[in-house]
Amino acid sequence: MIRNIKFRAWTKEQKQMVEVVELNFYQATMASIYGDYASGEREWDLKDFENVELMQYVGLKDKNGTEIYEGDVIVWEYNEIPQEVKWDNSIGGYSTKRYHLWRAINKMEVIGNIYENPELLQEEK
């Protein structure tokens, strides 16, 4: 099985989520493409890592087929408290405060992310 390694980024200055198309770890930069795909008017945007929050695709999709990234907020069918997806060193994988993602992938749903929807986690605290 081939695992797609993908990233997205929250731009701190523009406050928007972008798809990362290139990472340069030597220069600590990432590139994304902005613009209208239909008209072909697109521009590359290059940002330093310090100006973005990078989030990695966890390799899983929720029950609706939505890709799950670090920083996403999910709810579980049997526990509707919104929870953030984070890397957990103790298990060597992604989890929330209460559950490992691989346990019941078809029982969870992405409802937002911590940057565009920070209010979703107020209930968790």
N, C-alpha and C. Protein backbone atom coordinates (compact mmCIF):
# COMPACT_ATOMS: atom_id res chain seq x y z
N MET A 1 0.84 -1.18 0.00
CA MET A 1 0.00 0.00 0.00
C MET A 1 0.89 1.24 0.00
N ILE A 2 0.58 2.17 -0.86
CA ILE A 2 1.32 3.42 -0.94
C ILE A 2 0.63 4.46 -0.07
N ARG A 3 1.41 5.12 0.77
CA ARG A 3 0.87 6.16 1.64
C ARG A 3 1.19 7.52 1.05
N ASN A 4 0.17 8.32 0.83
CA ASN A 4 0.38 9.68 0.36
C ASN A 4 0.89 10.54 1.50
N ILE A 5 2.00 11.21 1.27
CA ILE A 5 2.51 12.14 2.25
C ILE A 5 2.18 13.53 1.73
N LYS A 6 1.23 14.17 2.41
CA LYS A 6 0.75 15.48 1.98
C LYS A 6 0.71 16.41 3.17
N PHE A 7 0.78 17.69 2.85
CA PHE A 7 0.70 18.71 3.88
C PHE A 7 -0.26 19.81 3.43
N ARG A 8 -0.78 20.50 4.40
CA ARG A 8 -1.48 21.75 4.16
C ARG A 8 -0.89 22.72 5.18
N ALA A 9 -1.18 24.00 5.01
CA ALA A 9 -0.60 24.99 5.92
C ALA A 9 -1.59 26.11 6.20
N TRP A 10 -1.55 26.61 7.42
CA TRP A 10 -2.30 27.79 7.82
C TRP A 10 -1.33 28.95 7.73
N THR A 11 -1.65 29.94 6.89
CA THR A 11 -0.77 31.10 6.76
C THR A 11 -1.11 32.09 7.87
N LYS A 12 -0.13 32.42 8.67
CA LYS A 12 -0.36 33.26 9.84
C LYS A 12 -0.75 34.68 9.45
N GLU A 13 -0.15 35.20 8.39
CA GLU A 13 -0.42 36.58 7.98
C GLU A 13 -1.77 36.70 7.26
N GLN A 14 -2.01 35.87 6.26
CA GLN A 14 -3.26 35.94 5.50
C GLN A 14 -4.42 35.24 6.20
N LYS A 15 -4.09 34.40 7.18
CA LYS A 15 -5.09 33.63 7.93
C LYS A 15 -5.98 32.81 6.99
N GLN A 16 -5.32 31.98 6.21
CA GLN A 16 -6.04 31.09 5.32
C GLN A 16 -5.31 29.76 5.19
N MET A 17 -6.09 28.71 4.89
CA MET A 17 -5.55 27.38 4.72
C MET A 17 -5.16 27.20 3.25
N VAL A 18 -3.95 26.67 3.02
CA VAL A 18 -3.48 26.45 1.65
C VAL A 18 -2.94 25.03 1.52
N GLU A 19 -2.99 24.51 0.31
CA GLU A 19 -2.39 23.21 0.02
C GLU A 19 -0.91 23.42 -0.26
N VAL A 20 -0.09 22.63 0.39
CA VAL A 20 1.36 22.73 0.19
C VAL A 20 1.73 21.87 -1.01
N VAL A 21 2.46 22.48 -1.96
CA VAL A 21 2.88 21.72 -3.13
C VAL A 21 4.37 21.42 -3.14
N GLU A 22 5.12 22.11 -2.26
CA GLU A 22 6.55 21.85 -2.19
C GLU A 22 7.10 22.28 -0.83
N LEU A 23 7.96 21.45 -0.27
CA LEU A 23 8.65 21.78 0.97
C LEU A 23 10.15 21.80 0.70
N ASN A 24 10.85 22.79 1.25
CA ASN A 24 12.29 22.86 1.12
C ASN A 24 12.85 22.95 2.54
N PHE A 25 13.32 21.83 3.04
CA PHE A 25 13.81 21.79 4.42
C PHE A 25 15.18 22.46 4.58
N TYR A 26 15.94 22.58 3.50
CA TYR A 26 17.23 23.26 3.58
C TYR A 26 17.05 24.76 3.77
N GLN A 27 16.04 25.33 3.10
CA GLN A 27 15.78 26.76 3.22
C GLN A 27 14.63 27.06 4.17
N ALA A 28 14.01 26.03 4.72
CA ALA A 28 12.89 26.16 5.65
C ALA A 28 11.76 26.99 5.04
N THR A 29 11.39 26.58 3.81
CA THR A 29 10.30 27.26 3.11
C THR A 29 9.31 26.24 2.56
N MET A 30 8.11 26.73 2.27
CA MET A 30 7.10 25.91 1.61
C MET A 30 6.47 26.72 0.50
N ALA A 31 6.00 26.04 -0.52
CA ALA A 31 5.36 26.71 -1.65
C ALA A 31 3.93 26.21 -1.77
N SER A 32 3.06 27.12 -2.16
CA SER A 32 1.67 26.78 -2.45
C SER A 32 1.29 27.55 -3.71
N ILE A 33 0.17 27.17 -4.32
CA ILE A 33 -0.29 27.84 -5.53
C ILE A 33 -1.61 28.53 -5.23
N TYR A 34 -1.68 29.80 -5.59
CA TYR A 34 -2.91 30.57 -5.44
C TYR A 34 -3.44 30.89 -6.82
N GLY A 35 -4.72 31.19 -6.89
CA GLY A 35 -5.28 31.71 -8.13
C GLY A 35 -6.43 30.88 -8.65
N ASP A 36 -6.82 31.23 -9.85
CA ASP A 36 -7.96 30.61 -10.51
C ASP A 36 -7.48 29.48 -11.41
N TYR A 37 -7.79 28.26 -11.04
CA TYR A 37 -7.36 27.11 -11.83
C TYR A 37 -8.05 27.08 -13.18
N ALA A 38 -9.30 27.51 -13.25
CA ALA A 38 -10.07 27.46 -14.50
C ALA A 38 -9.46 28.37 -15.56
N SER A 39 -9.07 29.58 -15.18
CA SER A 39 -8.52 30.54 -16.15
C SER A 39 -7.03 30.32 -16.39
N GLY A 40 -6.40 29.54 -15.54
CA GLY A 40 -4.98 29.32 -15.69
C GLY A 40 -4.13 30.41 -15.06
N GLU A 41 -4.77 31.38 -14.43
CA GLU A 41 -4.05 32.47 -13.78
C GLU A 41 -3.70 32.05 -12.36
N ARG A 42 -2.53 31.46 -12.24
CA ARG A 42 -2.08 30.97 -10.94
C ARG A 42 -0.72 31.54 -10.62
N GLU A 43 -0.46 31.69 -9.35
CA GLU A 43 0.83 32.19 -8.89
C GLU A 43 1.36 31.31 -7.77
N TRP A 44 2.68 31.14 -7.77
CA TRP A 44 3.34 30.44 -6.68
C TRP A 44 3.50 31.41 -5.52
N ASP A 45 3.35 30.91 -4.33
CA ASP A 45 3.59 31.71 -3.14
C ASP A 45 4.58 30.94 -2.28
N LEU A 46 5.65 31.59 -1.90
CA LEU A 46 6.70 30.97 -1.10
C LEU A 46 6.69 31.59 0.29
N LYS A 47 6.66 30.75 1.31
CA LYS A 47 6.61 31.24 2.69
C LYS A 47 7.66 30.52 3.53
N ASP A 48 8.24 31.25 4.48
CA ASP A 48 9.14 30.64 5.46
C ASP A 48 8.31 29.81 6.44
N PHE A 49 8.90 28.75 6.96
CA PHE A 49 8.20 27.91 7.93
C PHE A 49 7.70 28.70 9.13
N GLU A 50 8.43 29.74 9.52
CA GLU A 50 8.03 30.52 10.69
C GLU A 50 6.73 31.30 10.46
N ASN A 51 6.32 31.45 9.21
CA ASN A 51 5.10 32.20 8.88
C ASN A 51 3.89 31.32 8.62
N VAL A 52 4.05 30.02 8.83
CA VAL A 52 2.95 29.08 8.59
C VAL A 52 2.90 28.02 9.69
N GLU A 53 1.77 27.39 9.80
CA GLU A 53 1.62 26.20 10.64
C GLU A 53 1.40 25.02 9.70
N LEU A 54 2.39 24.14 9.59
CA LEU A 54 2.28 22.97 8.72
C LEU A 54 1.48 21.88 9.40
N MET A 55 0.63 21.21 8.64
CA MET A 55 -0.16 20.09 9.14
C MET A 55 -0.04 18.93 8.16
N GLN A 56 0.30 17.77 8.67
CA GLN A 56 0.47 16.59 7.82
C GLN A 56 -0.82 15.79 7.71
N TYR A 57 -1.06 15.26 6.52
CA TYR A 57 -2.17 14.33 6.29
C TYR A 57 -1.87 13.05 7.07
N VAL A 58 -2.83 12.57 7.85
CA VAL A 58 -2.58 11.41 8.71
C VAL A 58 -2.70 10.08 7.97
N GLY A 59 -3.14 10.13 6.72
CA GLY A 59 -3.25 8.91 5.93
C GLY A 59 -4.61 8.23 6.05
N LEU A 60 -5.56 8.89 6.70
CA LEU A 60 -6.89 8.33 6.91
C LEU A 60 -7.97 9.31 6.46
N LYS A 61 -9.14 8.77 6.17
CA LYS A 61 -10.30 9.60 5.83
C LYS A 61 -11.41 9.31 6.82
N ASP A 62 -12.26 10.31 7.04
CA ASP A 62 -13.37 10.11 7.97
C ASP A 62 -14.50 9.33 7.30
N LYS A 63 -15.62 9.18 7.97
CA LYS A 63 -16.73 8.37 7.45
C LYS A 63 -17.34 8.95 6.18
N ASN A 64 -17.07 10.24 5.90
CA ASN A 64 -17.58 10.88 4.69
C ASN A 64 -16.55 10.96 3.57
N GLY A 65 -15.37 10.40 3.81
CA GLY A 65 -14.32 10.43 2.80
C GLY A 65 -13.44 11.67 2.85
N THR A 66 -13.58 12.48 3.89
CA THR A 66 -12.76 13.68 4.06
C THR A 66 -11.39 13.31 4.62
N GLU A 67 -10.33 13.80 3.98
CA GLU A 67 -8.98 13.54 4.47
C GLU A 67 -8.79 14.18 5.84
N ILE A 68 -8.10 13.47 6.73
CA ILE A 68 -7.86 13.95 8.09
C ILE A 68 -6.42 14.43 8.20
N TYR A 69 -6.25 15.67 8.70
CA TYR A 69 -4.94 16.28 8.90
C TYR A 69 -4.73 16.59 10.38
N GLU A 70 -3.46 16.73 10.77
CA GLU A 70 -3.16 17.26 12.10
C GLU A 70 -3.90 18.58 12.23
N GLY A 71 -4.42 18.84 13.41
CA GLY A 71 -5.12 20.10 13.63
C GLY A 71 -6.59 20.05 13.28
N ASP A 72 -7.05 18.97 12.66
CA ASP A 72 -8.48 18.85 12.38
C ASP A 72 -9.22 18.62 13.68
N VAL A 73 -10.47 19.03 13.70
CA VAL A 73 -11.34 18.78 14.84
C VAL A 73 -12.34 17.73 14.39
N ILE A 74 -12.43 16.65 15.16
CA ILE A 74 -13.34 15.56 14.80
C ILE A 74 -14.31 15.27 15.94
N VAL A 75 -15.41 14.65 15.59
CA VAL A 75 -16.33 14.11 16.58
C VAL A 75 -16.51 12.64 16.26
N TRP A 76 -16.71 11.86 17.31
CA TRP A 76 -16.95 10.42 17.19
C TRP A 76 -18.43 10.18 17.34
N GLU A 77 -18.96 9.19 16.64
CA GLU A 77 -20.38 8.85 16.70
C GLU A 77 -20.84 8.61 18.13
N TYR A 78 -20.03 7.97 18.95
CA TYR A 78 -20.43 7.60 20.30
C TYR A 78 -19.99 8.61 21.36
N ASN A 79 -19.34 9.69 20.95
CA ASN A 79 -18.92 10.74 21.88
C ASN A 79 -18.82 12.03 21.08
N GLU A 80 -19.80 12.87 21.17
CA GLU A 80 -19.87 14.03 20.29
C GLU A 80 -19.08 15.24 20.77
N ILE A 81 -18.15 15.04 21.68
CA ILE A 81 -17.29 16.14 22.13
C ILE A 81 -16.21 16.36 21.07
N PRO A 82 -16.12 17.56 20.50
CA PRO A 82 -15.09 17.83 19.48
C PRO A 82 -13.69 17.66 20.06
N GLN A 83 -12.80 17.02 19.28
CA GLN A 83 -11.45 16.75 19.73
C GLN A 83 -10.46 17.02 18.61
N GLU A 84 -9.28 17.53 18.99
CA GLU A 84 -8.24 17.85 18.02
C GLU A 84 -7.39 16.63 17.70
N VAL A 85 -7.03 16.47 16.44
CA VAL A 85 -6.13 15.41 15.99
C VAL A 85 -4.70 15.88 16.17
N LYS A 86 -3.89 15.08 16.90
CA LYS A 86 -2.49 15.41 17.16
C LYS A 86 -1.63 14.16 17.04
N TRP A 87 -0.34 14.37 16.84
CA TRP A 87 0.63 13.28 16.88
C TRP A 87 0.85 12.90 18.34
N ASP A 88 0.88 11.60 18.60
CA ASP A 88 1.06 11.10 19.96
C ASP A 88 2.32 10.22 19.98
N ASN A 89 3.39 10.73 20.55
CA ASN A 89 4.66 9.99 20.60
C ASN A 89 4.54 8.67 21.36
N SER A 90 3.66 8.61 22.35
CA SER A 90 3.56 7.40 23.16
C SER A 90 3.02 6.20 22.38
N ILE A 91 2.26 6.46 21.32
CA ILE A 91 1.74 5.36 20.49
C ILE A 91 2.35 5.33 19.10
N GLY A 92 3.11 6.38 18.77
CA GLY A 92 3.71 6.46 17.43
C GLY A 92 2.67 6.63 16.36
N GLY A 93 1.65 7.42 16.64
CA GLY A 93 0.58 7.64 15.67
C GLY A 93 -0.28 8.83 16.06
N TYR A 94 -1.30 9.05 15.27
CA TYR A 94 -2.21 10.17 15.51
C TYR A 94 -3.37 9.75 16.40
N SER A 95 -3.78 10.68 17.26
CA SER A 95 -4.89 10.40 18.16
C SER A 95 -5.53 11.71 18.58
N THR A 96 -6.60 11.58 19.38
CA THR A 96 -7.19 12.71 20.07
C THR A 96 -6.91 12.48 21.55
N LYS A 97 -7.43 13.33 22.42
CA LYS A 97 -7.20 13.14 23.85
C LYS A 97 -7.76 11.81 24.34
N ARG A 98 -8.79 11.33 23.70
CA ARG A 98 -9.47 10.13 24.21
C ARG A 98 -9.28 8.87 23.36
N TYR A 99 -9.02 9.02 22.06
CA TYR A 99 -9.03 7.85 21.18
C TYR A 99 -7.88 7.86 20.17
N HIS A 100 -7.45 6.66 19.78
CA HIS A 100 -6.52 6.49 18.67
C HIS A 100 -7.35 6.51 17.39
N LEU A 101 -6.87 7.18 16.36
CA LEU A 101 -7.66 7.31 15.13
C LEU A 101 -7.97 5.99 14.46
N TRP A 102 -7.06 5.05 14.50
CA TRP A 102 -7.25 3.79 13.80
C TRP A 102 -8.32 2.91 14.43
N ARG A 103 -8.80 3.23 15.61
CA ARG A 103 -9.74 2.35 16.32
C ARG A 103 -11.10 2.26 15.65
N ALA A 104 -11.60 3.37 15.17
CA ALA A 104 -12.96 3.36 14.61
C ALA A 104 -13.08 4.43 13.54
N ILE A 105 -12.29 4.31 12.50
CA ILE A 105 -12.22 5.33 11.47
C ILE A 105 -13.57 5.62 10.83
N ASN A 106 -14.41 4.62 10.68
CA ASN A 106 -15.72 4.83 10.05
C ASN A 106 -16.75 5.40 11.02
N LYS A 107 -16.33 5.74 12.23
CA LYS A 107 -17.23 6.31 13.24
C LYS A 107 -16.90 7.76 13.56
N MET A 108 -15.96 8.38 12.80
CA MET A 108 -15.59 9.76 13.10
C MET A 108 -15.86 10.68 11.92
N GLU A 109 -15.99 11.97 12.24
CA GLU A 109 -16.28 12.96 11.20
C GLU A 109 -15.48 14.24 11.47
N VAL A 110 -14.82 14.77 10.43
CA VAL A 110 -14.12 16.04 10.53
C VAL A 110 -15.17 17.15 10.49
N ILE A 111 -15.12 18.05 11.50
CA ILE A 111 -16.10 19.14 11.55
C ILE A 111 -15.43 20.51 11.41
N GLY A 112 -14.11 20.54 11.28
CA GLY A 112 -13.38 21.80 11.12
C GLY A 112 -11.93 21.60 11.48
N ASN A 113 -11.25 22.71 11.77
CA ASN A 113 -9.86 22.64 12.20
C ASN A 113 -9.59 23.74 13.22
N ILE A 114 -8.47 23.63 13.91
CA ILE A 114 -8.20 24.52 15.04
C ILE A 114 -7.91 25.96 14.63
N TYR A 115 -7.60 26.20 13.37
CA TYR A 115 -7.28 27.55 12.92
C TYR A 115 -8.51 28.29 12.39
N GLU A 116 -9.31 27.62 11.59
CA GLU A 116 -10.50 28.25 11.02
C GLU A 116 -11.71 28.17 11.95
N ASN A 117 -11.70 27.21 12.87
CA ASN A 117 -12.84 26.99 13.77
C ASN A 117 -12.40 26.77 15.22
N PRO A 118 -11.64 27.70 15.82
CA PRO A 118 -11.15 27.48 17.18
C PRO A 118 -12.27 27.35 18.21
N GLU A 119 -13.42 27.89 17.91
CA GLU A 119 -14.55 27.82 18.85
C GLU A 119 -15.04 26.38 19.06
N LEU A 120 -14.74 25.49 18.13
CA LEU A 120 -15.18 24.10 18.26
C LEU A 120 -14.57 23.41 19.48
N LEU A 121 -13.38 23.82 19.87
CA LEU A 121 -12.68 23.15 20.99
C LEU A 121 -12.98 23.76 22.34
N GLN A 122 -13.71 24.84 22.39
CA GLN A 122 -14.03 25.46 23.67
C GLN A 122 -14.79 24.50 24.56
N GLU A 123 -15.59 23.64 23.95
CA GLU A 123 -16.36 22.63 24.70
C GLU A 123 -15.46 21.58 25.30
N GLU A 124 -14.30 21.31 24.63
CA GLU A 124 -13.39 20.25 25.08
C GLU A 124 -12.67 20.63 26.36
N LYS A 125 -12.41 21.91 26.58
CA LYS A 125 -11.62 22.36 27.73
C LYS A 125 -12.31 22.25 29.02
